[in-house]
Amino acid sequence: QVQLVESGGGLVQAGGSLRLSCAASGRTFSLYAMGWFRQAPGKEREFVMAISWRDVMTYYSDSVKGRFTISRDNAKNTVYLEMNSLKPEDTAVYYCAAGYFTSRLPKSASDYAYWGQGTQVTVSS
């Protein structure tokens, strides 16, 4: 079992930055791939970025390429999403997710077994 708690969301102006954190419980955090997803009102949950358990693979969606960075600190059981050059279209509830994958890094929300409660990110124009 893995429990996830996101933090760091808030209101920011376009062009600004935010850093989201996702703290995980459980001794085996380092074995789980971690993903960030987001969901805007009236839209489906969307893949943002993911990082493999050994930090050797990262995937990102084209919409955040060059602006967002994912990283993890296994000693702190925490994964981060650094968001720069934020745009109003980045406004959404951001969720972190964990899944145990030995050789792949999925982009589908349905592949991840554990989810946090989400943190709101609002970007004003």
Protein backbone atom coordinates (compact mmCIF):
# COMPACT_ATOMS: atom_id res chain seq x y z
CA GLN A 1 0.00 0.00 0.00
CA VAL A 2 1.13 3.51 -0.83
CA GLN A 3 -0.53 6.67 0.40
CA LEU A 4 0.12 9.91 -1.45
CA VAL A 5 -0.36 13.51 -0.34
CA GLU A 6 0.12 16.40 -2.75
CA SER A 7 0.98 19.96 -1.76
CA GLY A 8 2.21 23.17 -3.31
CA GLY A 9 -0.74 24.18 -5.41
CA GLY A 10 -2.12 27.70 -5.47
CA LEU A 11 -2.90 30.77 -7.50
CA VAL A 12 -0.21 32.18 -9.77
CA GLN A 13 -0.10 34.65 -12.62
CA ALA A 14 0.67 33.55 -16.14
CA GLY A 15 4.40 33.19 -16.62
CA GLY A 16 4.93 32.30 -12.99
CA SER A 17 6.16 29.12 -11.36
CA LEU A 18 5.00 26.58 -8.83
CA ARG A 19 6.55 23.48 -7.34
CA LEU A 20 4.26 20.63 -6.44
CA SER A 21 5.30 17.94 -4.00
CA CYS A 22 3.89 14.49 -3.46
CA ALA A 23 4.84 12.77 -0.23
CA ALA A 24 4.42 9.02 -0.14
CA SER A 25 4.12 6.62 2.73
CA GLY A 26 5.52 3.13 2.65
CA ARG A 27 8.97 1.64 2.74
CA THR A 28 8.91 0.59 -0.91
CA PHE A 29 8.41 4.04 -2.43
CA SER A 30 11.64 3.71 -4.39
CA LEU A 31 10.21 0.72 -6.28
CA TYR A 32 7.23 2.62 -7.67
CA ALA A 33 7.02 4.67 -10.81
CA MET A 34 5.42 8.03 -10.13
CA GLY A 35 3.20 10.07 -12.38
CA TRP A 36 1.55 13.47 -12.38
CA PHE A 37 -1.86 13.93 -13.97
CA ARG A 38 -4.23 16.87 -14.09
CA GLN A 39 -7.92 17.38 -14.56
CA ALA A 40 -9.58 20.60 -15.57
CA PRO A 41 -13.32 21.16 -15.03
CA GLY A 42 -15.36 19.28 -17.60
CA LYS A 43 -12.33 17.49 -19.00
CA GLU A 44 -10.85 14.04 -18.63
CA ARG A 45 -7.83 13.37 -16.46
CA GLU A 46 -4.74 14.13 -18.53
CA PHE A 47 -1.21 12.73 -18.28
CA VAL A 48 1.44 15.34 -17.47
CA MET A 49 4.72 13.62 -16.61
CA ALA A 50 6.05 10.38 -15.17
CA ILE A 51 9.31 9.11 -13.76
CA SER A 52 10.47 5.54 -13.40
CA TRP A 53 11.43 3.95 -10.12
CA ARG A 54 15.14 4.16 -10.86
CA ASP A 55 14.87 7.66 -12.28
CA VAL A 56 16.19 6.45 -15.65
CA MET A 57 13.06 7.19 -17.63
CA THR A 58 10.86 10.26 -17.72
CA TYR A 59 7.94 10.94 -19.99
CA TYR A 60 6.08 14.19 -20.53
CA SER A 61 3.13 15.39 -22.50
CA ASP A 62 3.79 17.78 -25.38
CA SER A 63 1.75 20.45 -23.66
CA VAL A 64 4.33 20.82 -20.88
CA LYS A 65 7.51 20.13 -22.81
CA GLY A 66 10.28 22.51 -21.85
CA ARG A 67 8.24 24.05 -19.03
CA PHE A 68 7.70 21.30 -16.46
CA THR A 69 10.25 19.02 -14.79
CA ILE A 70 9.65 15.90 -12.74
CA SER A 71 12.09 14.60 -10.15
CA ARG A 72 12.09 12.30 -7.16
CA ASP A 73 13.96 11.99 -3.91
CA ASN A 74 13.68 8.40 -2.75
CA ALA A 75 15.35 9.21 0.57
CA LYS A 76 12.48 11.59 1.31
CA ASN A 77 9.77 9.48 -0.32
CA THR A 78 8.82 12.50 -2.38
CA VAL A 79 8.25 13.29 -6.04
CA TYR A 80 8.21 16.84 -7.35
CA LEU A 81 6.72 18.67 -10.30
CA GLU A 82 8.49 21.92 -11.09
CA MET A 83 6.23 24.06 -13.25
CA ASN A 84 7.59 27.13 -15.02
CA SER A 85 6.16 29.54 -17.58
CA LEU A 86 2.68 28.65 -16.44
CA LYS A 87 -0.25 29.33 -18.73
CA PRO A 88 -3.95 29.75 -17.96
CA GLU A 89 -4.56 26.43 -19.72
CA ASP A 90 -2.45 24.73 -17.04
CA THR A 91 -5.25 25.44 -14.55
CA ALA A 92 -6.45 22.13 -13.13
CA VAL A 93 -6.40 19.85 -10.13
CA TYR A 94 -3.06 18.08 -10.17
CA TYR A 95 -2.80 14.50 -8.94
CA CYS A 96 0.19 12.34 -8.26
CA ALA A 97 -0.04 8.62 -8.80
CA ALA A 98 2.07 5.56 -8.11
CA GLY A 99 2.33 2.25 -9.87
CA TYR A 100 4.58 -0.78 -9.77
CA PHE A 101 6.03 -1.33 -13.24
CA THR A 102 9.13 -3.36 -13.89
CA SER A 103 9.95 -2.28 -17.43
CA ARG A 104 7.46 0.31 -18.63
CA LEU A 105 6.25 3.76 -17.75
CA PRO A 106 2.57 4.14 -18.61
CA LYS A 107 0.84 7.36 -19.53
CA SER A 108 -2.64 6.01 -18.88
CA ALA A 109 -4.28 6.89 -15.59
CA SER A 110 -5.91 3.48 -15.42
CA ASP A 111 -2.48 1.83 -15.07
CA TYR A 112 -1.68 3.56 -11.80
CA ALA A 113 -2.91 1.92 -8.62
CA TYR A 114 -2.47 4.66 -6.04
CA TRP A 115 -3.60 8.27 -6.12
CA GLY A 116 -3.37 11.37 -4.01
CA GLN A 117 -6.29 13.64 -3.26
CA GLY A 118 -5.14 16.35 -5.65
CA THR A 119 -4.01 19.95 -5.34
CA GLN A 120 -5.52 22.90 -7.19
CA VAL A 121 -3.38 24.96 -9.51
CA THR A 122 -4.93 28.15 -10.88
CA VAL A 123 -3.12 30.32 -13.39
CA SER A 124 -4.57 33.76 -13.98
CA SER A 125 -4.12 35.64 -17.21
